[in-house]
Amino acid sequence: MKLLLDTHVMLWFQVGDQALPKVAEQAIRSEANEAFVSMVSFWEIGLKHSIGKLPLRKPLDVFLSTITEAPFQILPLDIPHIVASSALPLHHRDPFDRMLIGQAKEA
């Protein structure tokens, strides 16, 4: 199964946060699944860190490199993802989440 991780889920996984449900951790670690992290999540982390909403224990570039070294595949942002996210109803207005949904629909 393909898993596109929400930014919070990926962050919880990376730091070993107890907020991550065990079933999610097991799914991410399972060799039967492919865990993806979107470039959108990198952008969200960078933005939230720069405005003080996401303190990190490491410099931003070092923290982001730990994600690329983790057992994730990196999902680029492509035009079909943008088109899919633009077609979503406005139930949810967070642009990062909307883009992740668009990517998941296109995967």
N, C-alpha and C. Protein backbone atom coordinates (compact mmCIF):
# COMPACT_ATOMS: atom_id res chain seq x y z
N MET A 1 0.84 -1.17 0.00
CA MET A 1 0.00 0.00 0.00
C MET A 1 0.89 1.24 0.00
N LYS A 2 0.43 2.27 -0.70
CA LYS A 2 1.15 3.55 -0.71
C LYS A 2 0.59 4.44 0.39
N LEU A 3 1.49 5.04 1.16
CA LEU A 3 1.10 5.95 2.24
C LEU A 3 1.70 7.32 1.97
N LEU A 4 0.87 8.34 1.89
CA LEU A 4 1.36 9.71 1.80
C LEU A 4 1.16 10.32 3.18
N LEU A 5 2.28 10.59 3.84
CA LEU A 5 2.21 11.03 5.23
C LEU A 5 1.87 12.51 5.33
N ASP A 6 0.94 12.82 6.19
CA ASP A 6 0.67 14.20 6.57
C ASP A 6 1.92 14.74 7.27
N THR A 7 2.12 16.02 7.20
CA THR A 7 3.32 16.62 7.80
C THR A 7 3.43 16.30 9.28
N HIS A 8 2.33 16.41 10.03
CA HIS A 8 2.40 16.11 11.47
C HIS A 8 2.76 14.65 11.73
N VAL A 9 2.19 13.75 10.94
CA VAL A 9 2.49 12.33 11.12
C VAL A 9 3.97 12.08 10.87
N MET A 10 4.50 12.67 9.81
CA MET A 10 5.92 12.50 9.51
C MET A 10 6.79 13.08 10.63
N LEU A 11 6.42 14.26 11.13
CA LEU A 11 7.19 14.87 12.22
C LEU A 11 7.14 13.99 13.47
N TRP A 12 5.96 13.50 13.82
CA TRP A 12 5.84 12.63 14.99
C TRP A 12 6.69 11.38 14.82
N PHE A 13 6.69 10.81 13.62
CA PHE A 13 7.50 9.62 13.35
C PHE A 13 8.98 9.95 13.52
N GLN A 14 9.41 11.06 12.95
CA GLN A 14 10.83 11.45 12.98
C GLN A 14 11.35 11.65 14.40
N VAL A 15 10.53 12.23 15.28
CA VAL A 15 11.00 12.53 16.63
C VAL A 15 10.56 11.49 17.66
N GLY A 16 9.85 10.46 17.22
CA GLY A 16 9.40 9.42 18.14
C GLY A 16 8.33 9.89 19.11
N ASP A 17 7.48 10.81 18.65
CA ASP A 17 6.43 11.38 19.50
C ASP A 17 5.35 10.33 19.79
N GLN A 18 4.93 10.28 21.03
CA GLN A 18 3.89 9.33 21.45
C GLN A 18 2.52 9.66 20.85
N ALA A 19 2.38 10.86 20.26
CA ALA A 19 1.11 11.23 19.62
C ALA A 19 0.84 10.39 18.38
N LEU A 20 1.89 9.80 17.80
CA LEU A 20 1.71 8.95 16.63
C LEU A 20 1.12 7.62 17.06
N PRO A 21 -0.06 7.28 16.56
CA PRO A 21 -0.66 5.99 16.92
C PRO A 21 0.25 4.83 16.50
N LYS A 22 0.28 3.80 17.31
CA LYS A 22 1.12 2.63 17.02
C LYS A 22 0.79 2.01 15.68
N VAL A 23 -0.48 1.98 15.32
CA VAL A 23 -0.87 1.39 14.04
C VAL A 23 -0.27 2.20 12.88
N ALA A 24 -0.18 3.52 13.03
CA ALA A 24 0.44 4.35 11.99
C ALA A 24 1.93 4.07 11.92
N GLU A 25 2.58 3.99 13.06
CA GLU A 25 4.02 3.69 13.08
C GLU A 25 4.30 2.35 12.43
N GLN A 26 3.49 1.35 12.74
CA GLN A 26 3.69 0.03 12.15
C GLN A 26 3.48 0.06 10.64
N ALA A 27 2.50 0.83 10.18
CA ALA A 27 2.25 0.93 8.74
C ALA A 27 3.42 1.60 8.04
N ILE A 28 3.98 2.64 8.65
CA ILE A 28 5.12 3.34 8.06
C ILE A 28 6.33 2.43 7.98
N ARG A 29 6.56 1.65 9.03
CA ARG A 29 7.73 0.78 9.10
C ARG A 29 7.58 -0.50 8.27
N SER A 30 6.36 -0.87 7.93
CA SER A 30 6.11 -2.12 7.23
C SER A 30 6.76 -2.12 5.84
N GLU A 31 7.49 -3.19 5.54
CA GLU A 31 8.11 -3.32 4.22
C GLU A 31 7.06 -3.59 3.14
N ALA A 32 5.84 -3.91 3.54
CA ALA A 32 4.76 -4.13 2.58
C ALA A 32 4.20 -2.81 2.05
N ASN A 33 4.54 -1.71 2.70
CA ASN A 33 4.03 -0.39 2.33
C ASN A 33 5.14 0.50 1.80
N GLU A 34 4.74 1.48 0.99
CA GLU A 34 5.65 2.52 0.52
C GLU A 34 5.23 3.81 1.21
N ALA A 35 6.10 4.39 2.03
CA ALA A 35 5.79 5.63 2.74
C ALA A 35 6.38 6.80 1.97
N PHE A 36 5.52 7.75 1.62
CA PHE A 36 5.92 8.94 0.87
C PHE A 36 5.81 10.18 1.74
N VAL A 37 6.74 11.09 1.55
CA VAL A 37 6.68 12.42 2.14
C VAL A 37 6.73 13.40 0.98
N SER A 38 5.80 14.33 0.98
CA SER A 38 5.71 15.29 -0.11
C SER A 38 6.67 16.46 0.09
N MET A 39 7.12 17.00 -1.03
CA MET A 39 7.89 18.24 -0.98
C MET A 39 7.06 19.35 -0.35
N VAL A 40 5.75 19.23 -0.42
CA VAL A 40 4.86 20.20 0.24
C VAL A 40 5.12 20.22 1.74
N SER A 41 5.40 19.06 2.33
CA SER A 41 5.70 18.99 3.77
C SER A 41 7.01 19.69 4.10
N PHE A 42 8.00 19.58 3.21
CA PHE A 42 9.26 20.29 3.42
C PHE A 42 9.00 21.80 3.43
N TRP A 43 8.17 22.25 2.49
CA TRP A 43 7.81 23.67 2.39
C TRP A 43 7.08 24.12 3.65
N GLU A 44 6.11 23.30 4.10
CA GLU A 44 5.35 23.64 5.31
C GLU A 44 6.25 23.73 6.53
N ILE A 45 7.16 22.79 6.68
CA ILE A 45 8.09 22.80 7.81
C ILE A 45 8.96 24.05 7.76
N GLY A 46 9.50 24.36 6.59
CA GLY A 46 10.35 25.53 6.46
C GLY A 46 9.61 26.82 6.78
N LEU A 47 8.40 26.95 6.28
CA LEU A 47 7.60 28.14 6.53
C LEU A 47 7.25 28.27 8.00
N LYS A 48 6.74 27.20 8.60
CA LYS A 48 6.34 27.27 10.01
C LYS A 48 7.54 27.48 10.93
N HIS A 49 8.67 26.92 10.56
CA HIS A 49 9.88 27.16 11.35
C HIS A 49 10.30 28.63 11.25
N SER A 50 10.23 29.20 10.06
CA SER A 50 10.68 30.58 9.86
C SER A 50 9.82 31.61 10.59
N ILE A 51 8.55 31.28 10.84
CA ILE A 51 7.68 32.22 11.55
C ILE A 51 7.55 31.89 13.04
N GLY A 52 8.33 30.91 13.49
CA GLY A 52 8.37 30.58 14.90
C GLY A 52 7.30 29.63 15.39
N LYS A 53 6.54 29.03 14.49
CA LYS A 53 5.48 28.09 14.90
C LYS A 53 5.97 26.66 15.03
N LEU A 54 7.20 26.40 14.58
CA LEU A 54 7.75 25.04 14.64
C LEU A 54 9.21 25.10 15.07
N PRO A 55 9.44 25.08 16.37
CA PRO A 55 10.84 25.05 16.82
C PRO A 55 11.46 23.69 16.51
N LEU A 56 12.71 23.71 16.11
CA LEU A 56 13.44 22.48 15.81
C LEU A 56 14.68 22.40 16.68
N ARG A 57 15.10 21.19 16.99
CA ARG A 57 16.31 20.99 17.81
C ARG A 57 17.59 21.07 16.98
N LYS A 58 17.42 21.11 15.66
CA LYS A 58 18.55 21.16 14.74
C LYS A 58 18.30 22.30 13.76
N PRO A 59 19.35 22.78 13.10
CA PRO A 59 19.13 23.76 12.03
C PRO A 59 18.20 23.17 10.97
N LEU A 60 17.45 24.03 10.31
CA LEU A 60 16.44 23.58 9.35
C LEU A 60 17.02 22.65 8.29
N ASP A 61 18.15 23.02 7.70
CA ASP A 61 18.71 22.18 6.64
C ASP A 61 19.11 20.80 7.15
N VAL A 62 19.62 20.75 8.36
CA VAL A 62 20.01 19.46 8.96
C VAL A 62 18.76 18.63 9.25
N PHE A 63 17.73 19.27 9.79
CA PHE A 63 16.49 18.55 10.08
C PHE A 63 15.88 18.00 8.80
N LEU A 64 15.81 18.82 7.75
CA LEU A 64 15.23 18.35 6.50
C LEU A 64 16.03 17.20 5.90
N SER A 65 17.34 17.22 6.08
CA SER A 65 18.14 16.11 5.55
C SER A 65 17.88 14.82 6.31
N THR A 66 17.46 14.90 7.58
CA THR A 66 17.12 13.67 8.31
C THR A 66 15.87 13.02 7.71
N ILE A 67 15.01 13.83 7.10
CA ILE A 67 13.81 13.28 6.46
C ILE A 67 14.20 12.52 5.20
N THR A 68 15.11 13.10 4.42
CA THR A 68 15.51 12.43 3.18
C THR A 68 16.31 11.16 3.47
N GLU A 69 16.89 11.07 4.65
CA GLU A 69 17.64 9.88 5.03
C GLU A 69 16.76 8.81 5.68
N ALA A 70 15.52 9.17 6.01
CA ALA A 70 14.58 8.24 6.64
C ALA A 70 14.02 7.28 5.58
N PRO A 71 13.26 6.29 6.02
CA PRO A 71 12.73 5.30 5.06
C PRO A 71 11.53 5.82 4.27
N PHE A 72 11.64 7.04 3.75
CA PHE A 72 10.56 7.64 2.98
C PHE A 72 10.99 7.83 1.53
N GLN A 73 10.02 7.79 0.66
CA GLN A 73 10.24 8.23 -0.71
C GLN A 73 9.74 9.67 -0.78
N ILE A 74 10.44 10.51 -1.50
CA ILE A 74 10.07 11.91 -1.60
C ILE A 74 9.18 12.10 -2.83
N LEU A 75 8.01 12.69 -2.61
CA LEU A 75 7.05 12.92 -3.67
C LEU A 75 7.18 14.36 -4.16
N PRO A 76 7.56 14.55 -5.42
CA PRO A 76 7.67 15.91 -5.94
C PRO A 76 6.28 16.52 -6.14
N LEU A 77 6.25 17.81 -6.31
CA LEU A 77 5.01 18.52 -6.61
C LEU A 77 4.95 18.74 -8.12
N ASP A 78 3.92 18.19 -8.74
CA ASP A 78 3.78 18.28 -10.19
C ASP A 78 2.47 18.97 -10.57
N ILE A 79 2.36 19.39 -11.81
CA ILE A 79 1.18 20.12 -12.27
C ILE A 79 -0.12 19.34 -12.04
N PRO A 80 -0.19 18.04 -12.31
CA PRO A 80 -1.44 17.32 -12.04
C PRO A 80 -1.87 17.39 -10.56
N HIS A 81 -0.90 17.47 -9.65
CA HIS A 81 -1.23 17.60 -8.23
C HIS A 81 -1.89 18.96 -7.96
N ILE A 82 -1.36 19.99 -8.60
CA ILE A 82 -1.91 21.34 -8.43
C ILE A 82 -3.33 21.41 -8.99
N VAL A 83 -3.52 20.81 -10.15
CA VAL A 83 -4.85 20.79 -10.77
C VAL A 83 -5.84 20.04 -9.87
N ALA A 84 -5.43 18.89 -9.36
CA ALA A 84 -6.32 18.10 -8.49
C ALA A 84 -6.66 18.85 -7.21
N SER A 85 -5.68 19.53 -6.62
CA SER A 85 -5.96 20.26 -5.38
C SER A 85 -6.86 21.46 -5.65
N SER A 86 -6.74 22.06 -6.83
CA SER A 86 -7.57 23.21 -7.18
C SER A 86 -9.03 22.81 -7.42
N ALA A 87 -9.26 21.57 -7.75
CA ALA A 87 -10.62 21.09 -8.00
C ALA A 87 -11.34 20.62 -6.74
N LEU A 88 -10.65 20.63 -5.61
CA LEU A 88 -11.28 20.16 -4.37
C LEU A 88 -12.32 21.16 -3.88
N PRO A 89 -13.40 20.66 -3.26
CA PRO A 89 -14.35 21.58 -2.63
C PRO A 89 -13.66 22.29 -1.46
N LEU A 90 -14.19 23.41 -1.07
CA LEU A 90 -13.56 24.23 -0.02
C LEU A 90 -13.95 23.81 1.39
N HIS A 91 -14.02 22.51 1.64
CA HIS A 91 -14.31 22.02 3.00
C HIS A 91 -13.14 22.32 3.93
N HIS A 92 -11.97 22.31 3.35
CA HIS A 92 -10.76 22.49 4.15
C HIS A 92 -9.91 23.54 3.46
N ARG A 93 -9.50 24.57 4.19
CA ARG A 93 -8.83 25.71 3.55
C ARG A 93 -7.31 25.71 3.72
N ASP A 94 -6.75 24.80 4.51
CA ASP A 94 -5.31 24.77 4.70
C ASP A 94 -4.64 24.42 3.36
N PRO A 95 -3.84 25.33 2.80
CA PRO A 95 -3.27 25.06 1.47
C PRO A 95 -2.32 23.86 1.45
N PHE A 96 -1.62 23.60 2.52
CA PHE A 96 -0.71 22.46 2.55
C PHE A 96 -1.51 21.15 2.53
N ASP A 97 -2.54 21.08 3.36
CA ASP A 97 -3.37 19.87 3.38
C ASP A 97 -4.09 19.68 2.05
N ARG A 98 -4.56 20.76 1.45
CA ARG A 98 -5.24 20.66 0.16
C ARG A 98 -4.29 20.10 -0.90
N MET A 99 -3.03 20.54 -0.86
CA MET A 99 -2.09 20.03 -1.85
C MET A 99 -1.79 18.55 -1.61
N LEU A 100 -1.64 18.16 -0.33
CA LEU A 100 -1.42 16.74 -0.02
C LEU A 100 -2.59 15.89 -0.50
N ILE A 101 -3.80 16.39 -0.34
CA ILE A 101 -4.98 15.65 -0.82
C ILE A 101 -4.94 15.54 -2.34
N GLY A 102 -4.59 16.63 -3.00
CA GLY A 102 -4.46 16.59 -4.46
C GLY A 102 -3.42 15.58 -4.91
N GLN A 103 -2.30 15.53 -4.19
CA GLN A 103 -1.26 14.55 -4.54
C GLN A 103 -1.76 13.13 -4.30
N ALA A 104 -2.46 12.92 -3.20
CA ALA A 104 -2.95 11.58 -2.90
C ALA A 104 -3.97 11.12 -3.95
N LYS A 105 -4.79 12.04 -4.41
CA LYS A 105 -5.78 11.69 -5.44
C LYS A 105 -5.11 11.32 -6.76
N GLU A 106 -3.97 11.90 -7.05
CA GLU A 106 -3.28 11.65 -8.31
C GLU A 106 -2.35 10.43 -8.24
N ALA A 107 -2.06 9.96 -7.07
CA ALA A 107 -1.10 8.86 -6.91
C ALA A 107 -1.68 7.53 -7.37
